Protein backbone atom coordinates (compact mmCIF):
# COMPACT_ATOMS: atom_id res chain seq x y z
CA MET A 1 25.80 -13.62 -16.34
CA SER A 2 23.93 -10.42 -15.13
CA LEU A 3 21.68 -10.71 -18.06
CA LEU A 4 20.54 -14.25 -17.20
CA ILE A 5 20.30 -13.34 -13.38
CA LEU A 6 18.19 -10.34 -14.04
CA THR A 7 16.12 -12.45 -16.55
CA ALA A 8 15.52 -14.86 -13.78
CA VAL A 9 14.43 -12.52 -11.39
CA ASN A 10 11.89 -10.89 -13.87
CA CYS A 11 10.56 -14.34 -14.57
CA PHE A 12 10.08 -15.07 -10.94
CA LYS A 13 7.86 -12.20 -10.21
CA THR A 14 7.20 -8.86 -11.81
CA ILE A 15 7.48 -6.94 -8.41
CA ALA A 16 10.91 -8.56 -8.08
CA GLY A 17 12.13 -7.11 -11.05
CA ILE A 18 10.71 -3.57 -10.29
CA HIS A 19 12.17 -3.69 -6.57
CA VAL A 20 15.76 -4.36 -8.53
CA THR A 21 15.04 -1.50 -10.68
CA ASN A 22 14.25 0.83 -7.68
CA LEU A 23 17.47 -0.46 -5.76
CA LEU A 24 19.74 0.02 -8.90
CA THR A 25 18.20 3.49 -9.52
CA PHE A 26 18.95 4.49 -5.65
CA GLY A 27 22.52 3.43 -6.15
CA LYS A 28 22.65 5.34 -9.73
CA VAL A 29 21.25 8.67 -8.09
CA THR A 30 23.58 8.38 -5.22
CA GLY A 31 26.53 8.18 -7.64
CA LEU A 32 25.44 11.32 -9.34
CA ALA A 33 24.94 13.26 -6.13
CA VAL A 34 28.50 12.40 -5.02
CA ILE A 35 29.60 13.54 -8.41
CA ILE A 36 27.67 16.85 -8.21
CA VAL A 37 28.72 17.58 -4.57
CA ALA A 38 32.18 16.91 -5.28
CA GLY A 39 32.38 19.28 -8.51
CA ILE A 40 30.45 22.05 -6.59
CA GLY A 41 33.03 21.71 -3.78
CA TYR A 42 35.95 21.84 -6.18
CA VAL A 43 34.74 24.90 -7.72
CA ALA A 44 34.08 26.33 -4.30
CA SER A 45 37.52 26.06 -3.41
CA GLY A 46 38.80 28.35 -5.95
CA ASN A 47 39.46 26.07 -8.80
CA THR A 48 37.82 27.79 -11.83
CA ASP A 49 40.13 27.43 -14.59
CA ASN A 50 38.31 24.83 -16.49
CA ILE A 51 34.87 26.94 -16.09
CA GLU A 52 36.40 29.86 -17.67
CA ASP A 53 36.99 28.11 -21.16
CA MET A 54 34.35 25.68 -20.85
CA VAL A 55 32.52 26.39 -24.20
CA SER A 56 35.64 27.22 -26.13
CA GLY A 57 36.47 25.48 -29.16
CA SER A 58 32.69 24.25 -29.60
CA SER A 59 31.59 22.83 -32.81
CA THR A 60 29.62 24.98 -35.28
CA ASP A 61 28.53 22.05 -37.55
CA PRO A 62 24.55 21.48 -37.34
CA GLY A 63 25.23 17.83 -37.74
CA ASP A 64 27.08 17.58 -34.59
CA TYR A 65 24.22 19.42 -32.44
CA ILE A 66 21.86 16.72 -34.04
CA LEU A 67 24.06 13.83 -32.78
CA ALA A 68 24.41 15.53 -29.39
CA PHE A 69 20.67 15.86 -28.91
CA TYR A 70 20.27 12.10 -30.05
CA SER A 71 22.83 10.99 -27.46
CA ALA A 72 21.17 13.22 -24.82
CA THR A 73 17.93 11.43 -25.28
CA PHE A 74 19.37 8.54 -23.71
CA ALA A 75 19.14 10.06 -20.45
CA TYR A 76 15.18 9.93 -21.03
CA GLY A 77 14.73 6.46 -21.95
CA GLY A 78 13.27 5.54 -18.73
CA ILE A 79 9.92 7.58 -19.82
CA GLN A 80 9.71 5.01 -22.48
CA GLY A 81 9.91 2.32 -20.04
CA ALA A 82 6.69 3.93 -18.20
CA ILE A 83 4.68 3.76 -21.38
CA ASN A 84 5.86 0.28 -21.98
CA MET A 85 4.97 -1.00 -18.47
CA VAL A 86 1.54 0.72 -18.56
CA GLU A 87 -0.18 -2.60 -17.78
CA GLU A 88 1.83 -2.81 -14.64
CA ILE A 89 0.92 0.51 -13.35
CA ARG A 90 -1.67 0.70 -10.44
CA GLU A 91 -5.07 2.75 -11.04
CA PRO A 92 -5.55 5.69 -11.53
CA LEU A 93 -3.46 5.07 -14.69
CA THR A 94 -3.57 8.30 -16.40
CA LYS A 95 -2.60 10.37 -13.36
CA ASN A 96 0.20 7.93 -12.46
CA ILE A 97 1.54 8.08 -15.99
CA LEU A 98 1.40 11.79 -16.33
CA ILE A 99 2.99 12.35 -12.68
CA ALA A 100 5.74 9.89 -13.44
CA VAL A 101 6.62 11.45 -16.86
CA SER A 102 6.54 15.39 -15.80
CA ALA A 103 8.44 14.37 -12.63
CA SER A 104 11.02 12.39 -14.41
CA PHE A 105 11.55 15.19 -17.05
CA GLY A 106 12.46 17.70 -14.64
CA THR A 107 14.77 15.37 -12.35
CA VAL A 108 16.64 14.01 -15.20
CA THR A 109 17.37 17.34 -16.80
CA ILE A 110 18.63 18.87 -13.45
CA LEU A 111 20.68 15.76 -12.53
CA TYR A 112 22.56 15.42 -15.74
CA MET A 113 23.00 19.23 -16.38
CA LEU A 114 24.74 19.45 -12.83
CA THR A 115 26.80 16.15 -13.23
CA ASN A 116 28.23 17.38 -16.74
CA PHE A 117 28.91 20.69 -14.96
CA ALA A 118 30.65 19.00 -12.14
CA TYR A 119 32.70 16.82 -14.93
CA MET A 120 33.62 19.85 -16.87
CA SER A 121 34.77 21.82 -13.83
CA VAL A 122 37.18 19.10 -12.76
CA LEU A 123 38.30 17.92 -16.00
CA PRO A 124 40.08 19.89 -18.92
CA ALA A 125 38.00 19.83 -22.01
CA GLU A 126 40.55 17.65 -23.78
CA GLU A 127 40.50 15.10 -21.11
CA PHE A 128 36.58 15.28 -20.55
CA LEU A 129 36.09 14.53 -24.48
CA SER A 130 38.84 11.86 -24.89
CA ALA A 131 38.16 9.75 -21.51
CA GLU A 132 36.52 6.35 -22.29
CA ALA A 133 35.06 6.51 -18.81
CA VAL A 134 34.48 9.97 -17.75
CA ALA A 135 33.12 8.94 -14.05
CA ILE A 136 36.40 7.05 -13.49
CA SER A 137 38.93 9.98 -14.59
CA PHE A 138 36.64 12.17 -12.35
CA SER A 139 36.81 9.93 -9.33
CA PHE A 140 40.68 9.42 -9.77
CA LYS A 141 41.08 13.00 -9.84
CA ILE A 142 38.95 13.87 -6.72
CA PHE A 143 38.55 10.86 -4.47
CA SER A 144 42.05 9.35 -5.01
CA GLY A 145 41.68 6.69 -2.13
CA LEU A 146 37.99 6.14 -2.78
CA PHE A 147 37.99 6.01 -6.27
CA TRP A 148 36.57 2.34 -6.18
CA LEU A 149 33.35 3.67 -5.28
CA MET A 150 32.58 5.38 -8.79
CA PRO A 151 32.74 1.86 -10.82
CA PHE A 152 30.46 0.54 -8.12
CA PHE A 153 28.05 3.45 -9.05
CA VAL A 154 28.54 2.88 -12.54
CA ALA A 155 27.87 -0.74 -12.29
CA CYS A 156 24.23 0.17 -10.61
CA SER A 157 23.49 2.51 -13.33
CA THR A 158 24.65 -0.11 -16.06
CA LEU A 159 22.57 -3.03 -14.49
CA GLY A 160 19.59 -0.85 -13.76
CA ALA A 161 19.50 0.08 -17.56
CA VAL A 162 19.75 -3.81 -18.23
CA ASN A 163 16.98 -4.76 -16.11
CA SER A 164 14.81 -1.75 -17.38
CA ASN A 165 15.19 -3.05 -21.03
CA ILE A 166 14.61 -6.80 -20.03
CA MET A 167 11.29 -5.40 -18.61
CA ASN A 168 10.30 -3.24 -21.24
CA THR A 169 11.50 -5.22 -24.61
CA ALA A 170 9.47 -8.26 -23.07
CA ARG A 171 6.25 -6.03 -22.81
CA GLN A 172 6.64 -4.69 -26.40
CA MET A 173 7.24 -8.23 -27.74
CA MET A 174 4.06 -9.59 -25.76
CA ALA A 175 2.05 -7.08 -27.59
CA ALA A 176 3.29 -7.75 -30.84
CA ALA A 177 2.80 -11.57 -30.13
CA ARG A 178 -1.01 -10.55 -29.22
CA ARG A 179 -1.33 -8.76 -32.64
CA GLY A 180 0.19 -12.09 -34.44
CA HIS A 181 3.54 -10.42 -35.33
CA LEU A 182 5.15 -12.98 -33.21
CA PRO A 183 3.90 -16.63 -32.43
CA THR A 184 0.99 -16.28 -30.00
CA VAL A 185 2.90 -18.39 -27.45
CA PHE A 186 5.16 -15.40 -26.63
CA SER A 187 2.31 -13.58 -25.13
CA PHE A 188 1.54 -16.26 -22.70
CA ILE A 189 2.11 -15.99 -19.01
CA HIS A 190 2.96 -18.11 -15.94
CA VAL A 191 -0.06 -19.65 -14.53
CA GLU A 192 0.91 -18.70 -10.94
CA ARG A 193 3.62 -15.86 -11.10
CA MET A 194 1.75 -14.09 -13.91
CA THR A 195 5.08 -13.45 -15.75
CA PRO A 196 5.81 -13.63 -19.36
CA ILE A 197 8.51 -16.34 -19.15
CA PRO A 198 8.40 -17.39 -22.92
CA ILE A 199 9.22 -13.79 -24.32
CA LEU A 200 11.70 -13.26 -21.27
CA THR A 201 13.64 -16.34 -22.38
CA LEU A 202 13.46 -15.43 -26.14
CA ASN A 203 14.69 -11.84 -25.24
CA ALA A 204 17.55 -13.10 -23.26
CA LEU A 205 18.45 -15.78 -26.12
CA ALA A 206 18.49 -13.16 -28.67
CA THR A 207 20.68 -10.60 -26.73
CA LEU A 208 23.59 -13.38 -26.00
CA LEU A 209 23.47 -14.03 -29.72
CA ILE A 210 23.97 -10.15 -30.04
CA LEU A 211 26.72 -9.89 -27.42
CA ALA A 212 28.50 -12.81 -29.27
CA ILE A 213 29.36 -10.32 -32.31
CA LYS A 214 33.01 -9.32 -31.85
CA ASP A 215 32.66 -5.83 -33.20
CA PHE A 216 30.28 -4.21 -30.85
CA ARG A 217 30.25 -0.74 -31.95
CA LEU A 218 28.80 -1.77 -35.30
CA VAL A 219 26.02 -3.47 -33.51
CA LEU A 220 25.58 -0.18 -31.51
CA VAL A 221 25.31 1.74 -34.77
CA TYR A 222 23.00 -0.64 -36.34
CA THR A 223 20.55 -0.74 -33.42
CA SER A 224 20.67 2.79 -32.80
CA TYR A 225 19.51 3.71 -36.31
CA ILE A 226 17.06 1.01 -36.31
CA GLY A 227 15.61 2.53 -32.90
CA ASN A 228 15.37 5.81 -34.72
CA ILE A 229 13.45 4.44 -37.51
CA VAL A 230 10.88 2.73 -34.94
CA ALA A 231 10.58 5.95 -32.89
CA PHE A 232 9.88 8.12 -36.09
CA GLY A 233 7.36 5.40 -37.47
CA SER A 234 5.86 5.20 -33.83
CA ALA A 235 5.31 9.16 -33.66
CA LEU A 236 4.14 9.46 -37.44
CA SER A 237 1.63 6.61 -36.75
CA LEU A 238 0.41 8.13 -33.35
CA VAL A 239 -0.32 11.54 -35.59
CA ILE A 240 -2.12 9.71 -38.18
CA MET A 241 -4.12 7.57 -35.86
CA ARG A 242 -5.10 10.63 -34.05
CA PHE A 243 -7.38 11.53 -37.09
CA LYS A 244 -8.20 8.43 -38.54
CA ARG A 245 -8.90 6.21 -35.45
CA LYS A 246 -10.58 8.51 -33.23
CA ASP A 247 -12.54 5.42 -31.80
CA ILE A 248 -9.53 3.69 -30.29
CA VAL A 249 -9.34 3.67 -26.53
CA ARG A 250 -6.46 5.75 -25.03
CA PRO A 251 -5.79 5.60 -21.47
CA PHE A 252 -4.29 9.21 -21.86
CA LYS A 253 -3.54 11.78 -24.52
CA LEU A 254 -0.51 13.88 -25.28
CA PRO A 255 -0.67 17.21 -26.67
CA LEU A 256 -0.23 16.89 -30.62
CA ILE A 257 2.85 18.97 -30.56
CA VAL A 258 4.73 16.39 -28.65
CA PRO A 259 4.57 13.77 -31.37
CA ILE A 260 5.20 16.56 -34.06
CA MET A 261 8.29 17.48 -32.30
CA LEU A 262 9.23 14.12 -32.27
CA ILE A 263 8.73 13.57 -35.74
CA VAL A 264 11.00 16.51 -36.89
CA PHE A 265 13.85 15.41 -34.66
CA GLN A 266 13.86 11.83 -35.71
CA PHE A 267 13.72 12.77 -39.22
CA ALA A 268 16.62 14.76 -38.76
CA ALA A 269 18.56 12.22 -36.83
CA LEU A 270 17.70 9.76 -39.74
CA VAL A 271 18.70 11.86 -42.74
CA TYR A 272 22.09 12.99 -41.10
CA PRO A 273 23.66 9.78 -40.70
CA LEU A 274 22.43 8.67 -44.06
CA ILE A 275 24.47 11.29 -45.76
CA SER A 276 27.46 11.44 -43.64
CA LYS A 277 27.58 7.43 -43.21
CA PRO A 278 25.56 5.81 -45.56
CA LEU A 279 26.82 2.42 -45.40
CA PRO A 280 25.79 1.27 -41.75
CA SER A 281 22.64 3.31 -42.32
CA CYS A 282 21.61 1.25 -45.33
CA ILE A 283 22.58 -1.90 -43.75
CA ALA A 284 20.30 -1.11 -40.66
CA VAL A 285 17.41 -0.37 -43.17
CA GLY A 286 18.23 -3.67 -44.85
CA LEU A 287 18.06 -5.58 -41.71
CA ILE A 288 14.56 -3.88 -41.10
CA ALA A 289 13.35 -4.61 -44.95
CA SER A 290 14.56 -8.31 -44.16
CA GLY A 291 11.41 -8.89 -42.07
CA ILE A 292 8.89 -7.70 -44.91
CA PRO A 293 8.95 -11.12 -46.64
CA VAL A 294 8.32 -12.95 -43.38
CA TYR A 295 5.48 -10.66 -42.61
CA PHE A 296 3.66 -11.05 -45.62
CA LEU A 297 4.27 -14.92 -45.67
CA LEU A 298 3.50 -15.87 -41.86
CA VAL A 299 1.58 -12.63 -40.59
CA ARG A 300 -0.33 -11.01 -43.53
CA ARG A 301 -1.23 -14.19 -45.09
CA LYS A 302 -4.57 -15.57 -43.81
CA GLN A 303 -4.27 -19.03 -44.81
CA GLN A 304 -1.27 -21.07 -43.89
CA SER A 305 -0.17 -24.51 -44.70
CA ASN A 306 -1.13 -27.42 -42.88
CA PHE A 307 2.51 -28.21 -42.31
CA VAL A 308 3.25 -24.54 -40.69
CA LEU A 309 0.03 -25.13 -38.51
CA LYS A 310 1.18 -28.45 -37.18
CA CYS A 311 4.82 -26.93 -36.49
CA THR A 312 3.27 -24.07 -34.75
CA LYS A 313 1.10 -26.06 -32.82
CA ASP A 314 3.47 -28.66 -31.48
CA VAL A 315 6.01 -25.78 -30.67
CA THR A 316 3.34 -24.04 -28.69
CA ARG A 317 2.67 -26.89 -26.62
CA LEU A 318 6.21 -27.53 -25.90
CA ILE A 319 6.97 -24.14 -24.67
CA GLN A 320 3.69 -24.18 -22.68
CA ARG A 321 4.87 -27.59 -21.04
CA VAL A 322 8.44 -26.19 -20.11
CA THR A 323 7.53 -22.90 -19.04
CA MET A 324 3.97 -23.58 -17.18
CA CYS A 325 2.53 -20.73 -19.41
CA VAL A 326 -1.11 -19.93 -20.57
CA PRO A 327 -2.82 -17.32 -22.80
CA GLU A 328 -3.87 -13.92 -20.95
CA GLU A 329 -7.33 -13.01 -20.23
CA LEU A 330 -8.08 -9.95 -22.71
CA ASP A 331 -11.05 -7.68 -23.08
CA ASP A 332 -12.51 -6.67 -26.33
CA HIS A 333 -9.96 -3.90 -26.84
CA GLY A 334 -6.88 -6.58 -26.25
CA SER A 335 -6.20 -5.28 -22.80
CA LYS A 336 -5.89 -7.29 -19.79
CA ILE A 337 -9.11 -7.95 -17.77
CA GLY A 338 -9.17 -6.23 -14.41
CA THR A 339 -8.01 -2.72 -13.14
CA GLU A 340 -4.68 -4.20 -11.89
CA ASN A 341 -2.25 -6.93 -12.99
CA PRO A 342 -1.96 -9.56 -10.21
CA ALA A 343 1.87 -9.66 -11.11
CA PHE A 344 1.98 -6.27 -9.47
CA THR A 345 1.21 -7.53 -5.96
CA GLU A 346 3.14 -8.69 -3.37
């Protein structure tokens, strides 16, 4: 239900989705601040037993550290969102992007380090590692009568992540549709609201199909490994294009060391699961490989059959009539015309 509601909000207006994200982020940060203050207060009152043996029994397996770093990158997923939403960002684009990325790195690092310190100060190591919901276990131990507040803050965090993924995934798939990797109709926007209703609807339907799978942990394993492959390929292509396609328009440039470090890290994150758990990793690779024949038959191939062209045209017209969407106005570089997306304005 929350997925459908948030999708409807993003279909209504882009700025509405941004306001929802800001509100939920405020709830999430408030929850983290409550945890941090409570943890510091707990330690200040003389409860230091858990701190003294905080790192005892730590793993020495390099693979565990790789997995730990991979899990930690989830906290920095909002940076990817900022890049995906580049068309919705006000000018000056370069300055705003760099400020957002730089500020978020420091803020997220400090917040999550202090939050984990608070968790480990209150909860014994065994309970901290075995708890299915650490924040709930923490609240039961600290707040007693107000433990119900923590599920609310957790809900804010979860819904905020869902809303951000809806916005980010839609922009990625729109870019793919512009390049012909998806039917062109999925790059269309509403004539008045300037929102990508076709691709938002497709994203919601695909997500509902995935949620219908009973073994959701298996889905997480596959999607995580596929995400690693995509991140590795993106970073590698960035380095290659930096030398081979120097003429490409770049709104901003990162130091080359950043994608190189990402390549090294993602390579390790791809190799270790392939050795330790080859079956899920091979299935994830197979899922990606299943799109290769589709690409060569429907995208790479220049000449399409009359039947395929007729079906594409009929489906495009039907989707346009239902969603009231039209093609975007693009410049020679494939970017939106104008310095600011009208969808961003009130």
